[in-house]
Amino acid sequence: MERYPITDTDKKLIKLGLEVLAENFDDGIYNHTVGCTVLCKNGNIYKGVNCDGIHGSCAEYITIGIAISNGEREFDTIVAVHEKHLNCVISPCGNCRQMLLEYCPDIKVIVNDENGNLIKVKAKDLLPFAWKPVVC
């Protein structure tokens, strides 16, 4: 698995994700507890938060959906954040990993490595032995 170094742009994405979360955090309700930022290949940046409920949606789903709704199809980097997590970064859950694999397998995802250091890896490397649609 190839690892990519963290850049100043990546640090900006983390900061923007924390800002969108702070602006929308519902203390005591916990509907919006994760922020997310995605950088598109054209330089556009989109932000979102999770929406909890009976069938909640993760911040990564919301943010990719916002970007796609704005016509984006080529993604560079994504990060999910919360101020109380290690390095403020949250690794995508299994559902998000599957979604990223299907929508943008080569997007780089900012995560903490096994030593607690921030790194970037491609989404397709986060989910070995993933389910893939059957092509007939």
C-alpha atoms as a PDB file:
ATOM      1  CA  MET A   1       0.000   0.000   0.000  1.00  0.00           C
ATOM      2  CA  GLU A   2       1.470   3.299  -1.069  1.00  0.00           C
ATOM      3  CA  ARG A   3       1.487   6.061   1.554  1.00  0.00           C
ATOM      4  CA  TYR A   4       1.452   9.722   0.621  1.00  0.00           C
ATOM      5  CA  PRO A   5       2.880  12.540   2.761  1.00  0.00           C
ATOM      6  CA  ILE A   6       0.647  15.110   4.430  1.00  0.00           C
ATOM      7  CA  THR A   7       0.821  18.517   2.738  1.00  0.00           C
ATOM      8  CA  ASP A   8      -0.172  22.029   3.775  1.00  0.00           C
ATOM      9  CA  THR A   9      -3.310  21.571   1.669  1.00  0.00           C
ATOM     10  CA  ASP A  10      -4.161  18.461   3.695  1.00  0.00           C
ATOM     11  CA  LYS A  11      -3.782  20.446   6.915  1.00  0.00           C
ATOM     12  CA  LYS A  12      -6.130  23.054   5.443  1.00  0.00           C
ATOM     13  CA  LEU A  13      -8.688  20.318   4.701  1.00  0.00           C
ATOM     14  CA  ILE A  14      -8.527  19.150   8.332  1.00  0.00           C
ATOM     15  CA  LYS A  15      -8.963  22.739   9.546  1.00  0.00           C
ATOM     16  CA  LEU A  16     -11.942  23.346   7.242  1.00  0.00           C
ATOM     17  CA  GLY A  17     -13.547  20.087   8.364  1.00  0.00           C
ATOM     18  CA  LEU A  18     -13.203  21.120  12.003  1.00  0.00           C
ATOM     19  CA  GLU A  19     -14.697  24.525  11.175  1.00  0.00           C
ATOM     20  CA  VAL A  20     -17.784  23.090   9.458  1.00  0.00           C
ATOM     21  CA  LEU A  21     -18.267  20.740  12.407  1.00  0.00           C
ATOM     22  CA  ALA A  22     -17.942  23.565  14.945  1.00  0.00           C
ATOM     23  CA  GLU A  23     -20.505  25.607  13.007  1.00  0.00           C
ATOM     24  CA  ASN A  24     -23.007  22.734  12.984  1.00  0.00           C
ATOM     25  CA  PHE A  25     -22.293  20.623  16.076  1.00  0.00           C
ATOM     26  CA  ASP A  26     -25.470  19.799  18.011  1.00  0.00           C
ATOM     27  CA  ASP A  27     -24.279  19.411  21.593  1.00  0.00           C
ATOM     28  CA  GLY A  28     -26.457  16.966  23.476  1.00  0.00           C
ATOM     29  CA  ILE A  29     -28.327  15.852  20.352  1.00  0.00           C
ATOM     30  CA  TYR A  30     -25.326  14.403  18.499  1.00  0.00           C
ATOM     31  CA  ASN A  31     -26.901  14.723  15.044  1.00  0.00           C
ATOM     32  CA  HIS A  32     -23.804  16.395  13.620  1.00  0.00           C
ATOM     33  CA  THR A  33     -20.681  15.000  15.265  1.00  0.00           C
ATOM     34  CA  VAL A  34     -18.291  14.471  12.343  1.00  0.00           C
ATOM     35  CA  GLY A  35     -17.061  17.002   9.806  1.00  0.00           C
ATOM     36  CA  CYS A  36     -15.670  16.150   6.402  1.00  0.00           C
ATOM     37  CA  THR A  37     -13.846  17.933   3.614  1.00  0.00           C
ATOM     38  CA  VAL A  38     -13.164  16.735   0.078  1.00  0.00           C
ATOM     39  CA  LEU A  39     -10.714  18.276  -2.376  1.00  0.00           C
ATOM     40  CA  CYS A  40     -11.571  17.796  -6.039  1.00  0.00           C
ATOM     41  CA  LYS A  41      -8.936  17.491  -8.728  1.00  0.00           C
ATOM     42  CA  ASN A  42      -9.920  20.918 -10.082  1.00  0.00           C
ATOM     43  CA  GLY A  43      -9.156  22.527  -6.700  1.00  0.00           C
ATOM     44  CA  ASN A  44     -12.747  22.927  -5.498  1.00  0.00           C
ATOM     45  CA  ILE A  45     -13.342  22.049  -1.846  1.00  0.00           C
ATOM     46  CA  TYR A  46     -16.626  20.836  -0.368  1.00  0.00           C
ATOM     47  CA  LYS A  47     -17.540  20.471   3.316  1.00  0.00           C
ATOM     48  CA  GLY A  48     -20.216  18.498   5.122  1.00  0.00           C
ATOM     49  CA  VAL A  49     -21.300  16.962   8.406  1.00  0.00           C
ATOM     50  CA  ASN A  50     -22.939  13.674   9.270  1.00  0.00           C
ATOM     51  CA  CYS A  51     -26.722  13.466   9.715  1.00  0.00           C
ATOM     52  CA  ASP A  52     -27.766  10.974  12.364  1.00  0.00           C
ATOM     53  CA  GLY A  53     -31.211   9.475  12.702  1.00  0.00           C
ATOM     54  CA  ILE A  54     -32.823   6.106  12.297  1.00  0.00           C
ATOM     55  CA  HIS A  55     -30.865   5.706   9.067  1.00  0.00           C
ATOM     56  CA  GLY A  56     -28.095   8.246   9.520  1.00  0.00           C
ATOM     57  CA  SER A  57     -25.565   9.188   6.923  1.00  0.00           C
ATOM     58  CA  CYS A  58     -21.859   9.632   7.533  1.00  0.00           C
ATOM     59  CA  ALA A  59     -20.098  12.913   6.838  1.00  0.00           C
ATOM     60  CA  GLU A  60     -18.159  11.326   3.966  1.00  0.00           C
ATOM     61  CA  TYR A  61     -21.406  10.325   2.209  1.00  0.00           C
ATOM     62  CA  ILE A  62     -22.903  13.783   2.705  1.00  0.00           C
ATOM     63  CA  THR A  63     -19.776  15.570   1.481  1.00  0.00           C
ATOM     64  CA  ILE A  64     -19.271  13.401  -1.599  1.00  0.00           C
ATOM     65  CA  GLY A  65     -22.993  13.851  -2.340  1.00  0.00           C
ATOM     66  CA  ILE A  66     -22.666  17.634  -2.119  1.00  0.00           C
ATOM     67  CA  ALA A  67     -19.673  17.566  -4.480  1.00  0.00           C
ATOM     68  CA  ILE A  68     -21.437  15.288  -6.961  1.00  0.00           C
ATOM     69  CA  SER A  69     -24.549  17.492  -6.792  1.00  0.00           C
ATOM     70  CA  ASN A  70     -22.315  20.374  -7.850  1.00  0.00           C
ATOM     71  CA  GLY A  71     -21.091  18.461 -10.903  1.00  0.00           C
ATOM     72  CA  GLU A  72     -17.847  17.054  -9.510  1.00  0.00           C
ATOM     73  CA  ARG A  73     -16.678  13.624 -10.611  1.00  0.00           C
ATOM     74  CA  GLU A  74     -12.915  13.708 -10.036  1.00  0.00           C
ATOM     75  CA  PHE A  75     -11.706  13.672  -6.448  1.00  0.00           C
ATOM     76  CA  ASP A  76      -8.246  14.087  -4.965  1.00  0.00           C
ATOM     77  CA  THR A  77      -8.359  13.878  -1.140  1.00  0.00           C
ATOM     78  CA  ILE A  78     -10.944  13.388   1.621  1.00  0.00           C
ATOM     79  CA  VAL A  79     -10.781  13.601   5.415  1.00  0.00           C
ATOM     80  CA  ALA A  80     -13.298  13.096   8.240  1.00  0.00           C
ATOM     81  CA  VAL A  81     -12.636  14.932  11.500  1.00  0.00           C
ATOM     82  CA  HIS A  82     -13.589  15.463  15.124  1.00  0.00           C
ATOM     83  CA  GLU A  83     -11.574  17.564  17.562  1.00  0.00           C
ATOM     84  CA  LYS A  84     -11.314  14.787  20.179  1.00  0.00           C
ATOM     85  CA  HIS A  85      -9.867  12.124  17.879  1.00  0.00           C
ATOM     86  CA  LEU A  86      -6.159  11.442  17.415  1.00  0.00           C
ATOM     87  CA  ASN A  87      -4.805  14.240  15.204  1.00  0.00           C
ATOM     88  CA  CYS A  88      -8.483  15.290  14.846  1.00  0.00           C
ATOM     89  CA  VAL A  89      -8.853  12.641  12.091  1.00  0.00           C
ATOM     90  CA  ILE A  90     -11.391   9.809  11.960  1.00  0.00           C
ATOM     91  CA  SER A  91     -10.840   6.799   9.723  1.00  0.00           C
ATOM     92  CA  PRO A  92     -13.807   6.024   7.434  1.00  0.00           C
ATOM     93  CA  CYS A  93     -16.197   3.305   8.577  1.00  0.00           C
ATOM     94  CA  GLY A  94     -16.756   0.207   6.465  1.00  0.00           C
ATOM     95  CA  ASN A  95     -19.772   1.677   4.646  1.00  0.00           C
ATOM     96  CA  CYS A  96     -17.807   4.800   3.744  1.00  0.00           C
ATOM     97  CA  ARG A  97     -14.857   2.733   2.568  1.00  0.00           C
ATOM     98  CA  GLN A  98     -17.179   0.786   0.273  1.00  0.00           C
ATOM     99  CA  MET A  99     -18.772   3.994  -1.058  1.00  0.00           C
ATOM    100  CA  LEU A 100     -15.367   5.577  -1.710  1.00  0.00           C
ATOM    101  CA  LEU A 101     -14.198   2.403  -3.447  1.00  0.00           C
ATOM    102  CA  GLU A 102     -17.217   2.480  -5.769  1.00  0.00           C
ATOM    103  CA  TYR A 103     -17.288   6.237  -6.470  1.00  0.00           C
ATOM    104  CA  CYS A 104     -13.616   7.180  -6.408  1.00  0.00           C
ATOM    105  CA  PRO A 105     -11.216   4.272  -5.714  1.00  0.00           C
ATOM    106  CA  ASP A 106      -8.134   6.423  -6.301  1.00  0.00           C
ATOM    107  CA  ILE A 107      -9.119   9.244  -3.934  1.00  0.00           C
ATOM    108  CA  LYS A 108      -6.538   9.725  -1.207  1.00  0.00           C
ATOM    109  CA  VAL A 109      -7.904   9.385   2.330  1.00  0.00           C
ATOM    110  CA  ILE A 110      -6.206  11.044   5.300  1.00  0.00           C
ATOM    111  CA  VAL A 111      -5.974   8.592   8.213  1.00  0.00           C
ATOM    112  CA  ASN A 112      -3.801   7.846  11.236  1.00  0.00           C
ATOM    113  CA  ASP A 113      -1.312   5.039  10.677  1.00  0.00           C
ATOM    114  CA  GLU A 114      -0.517   2.294  13.193  1.00  0.00           C
ATOM    115  CA  ASN A 115       1.898   4.665  14.976  1.00  0.00           C
ATOM    116  CA  GLY A 116      -0.539   7.567  15.233  1.00  0.00           C
ATOM    117  CA  ASN A 117       0.991   9.560  12.376  1.00  0.00           C
ATOM    118  CA  LEU A 118      -1.137  11.236   9.722  1.00  0.00           C
ATOM    119  CA  ILE A 119      -0.787   9.681   6.274  1.00  0.00           C
ATOM    120  CA  LYS A 120      -2.767   9.450   3.055  1.00  0.00           C
ATOM    121  CA  VAL A 121      -3.666   6.210   1.325  1.00  0.00           C
ATOM    122  CA  LYS A 122      -5.915   5.440  -1.618  1.00  0.00           C
ATOM    123  CA  ALA A 123      -9.475   4.425  -0.822  1.00  0.00           C
ATOM    124  CA  LYS A 124      -9.049   1.143  -2.708  1.00  0.00           C
ATOM    125  CA  ASP A 125      -6.294   0.192  -0.239  1.00  0.00           C
ATOM    126  CA  LEU A 126      -8.545   0.686   2.794  1.00  0.00           C
ATOM    127  CA  LEU A 127     -10.841  -2.212   1.961  1.00  0.00           C
ATOM    128  CA  PRO A 128      -9.050  -5.396   0.920  1.00  0.00           C
ATOM    129  CA  PHE A 129     -11.279  -8.141  -0.460  1.00  0.00           C
ATOM    130  CA  ALA A 130     -14.052  -5.604  -1.041  1.00  0.00           C
ATOM    131  CA  TRP A 131     -17.412  -6.453  -2.512  1.00  0.00           C
ATOM    132  CA  LYS A 132     -17.566  -5.410  -6.165  1.00  0.00           C
ATOM    133  CA  PRO A 133     -20.601  -5.250  -8.423  1.00  0.00           C
ATOM    134  CA  VAL A 134     -20.993  -8.232 -10.714  1.00  0.00           C
ATOM    135  CA  VAL A 135     -20.450  -7.302 -14.340  1.00  0.00           C
ATOM    136  CA  CYS A 136     -22.138  -9.658 -16.780  1.00  0.00           C
END
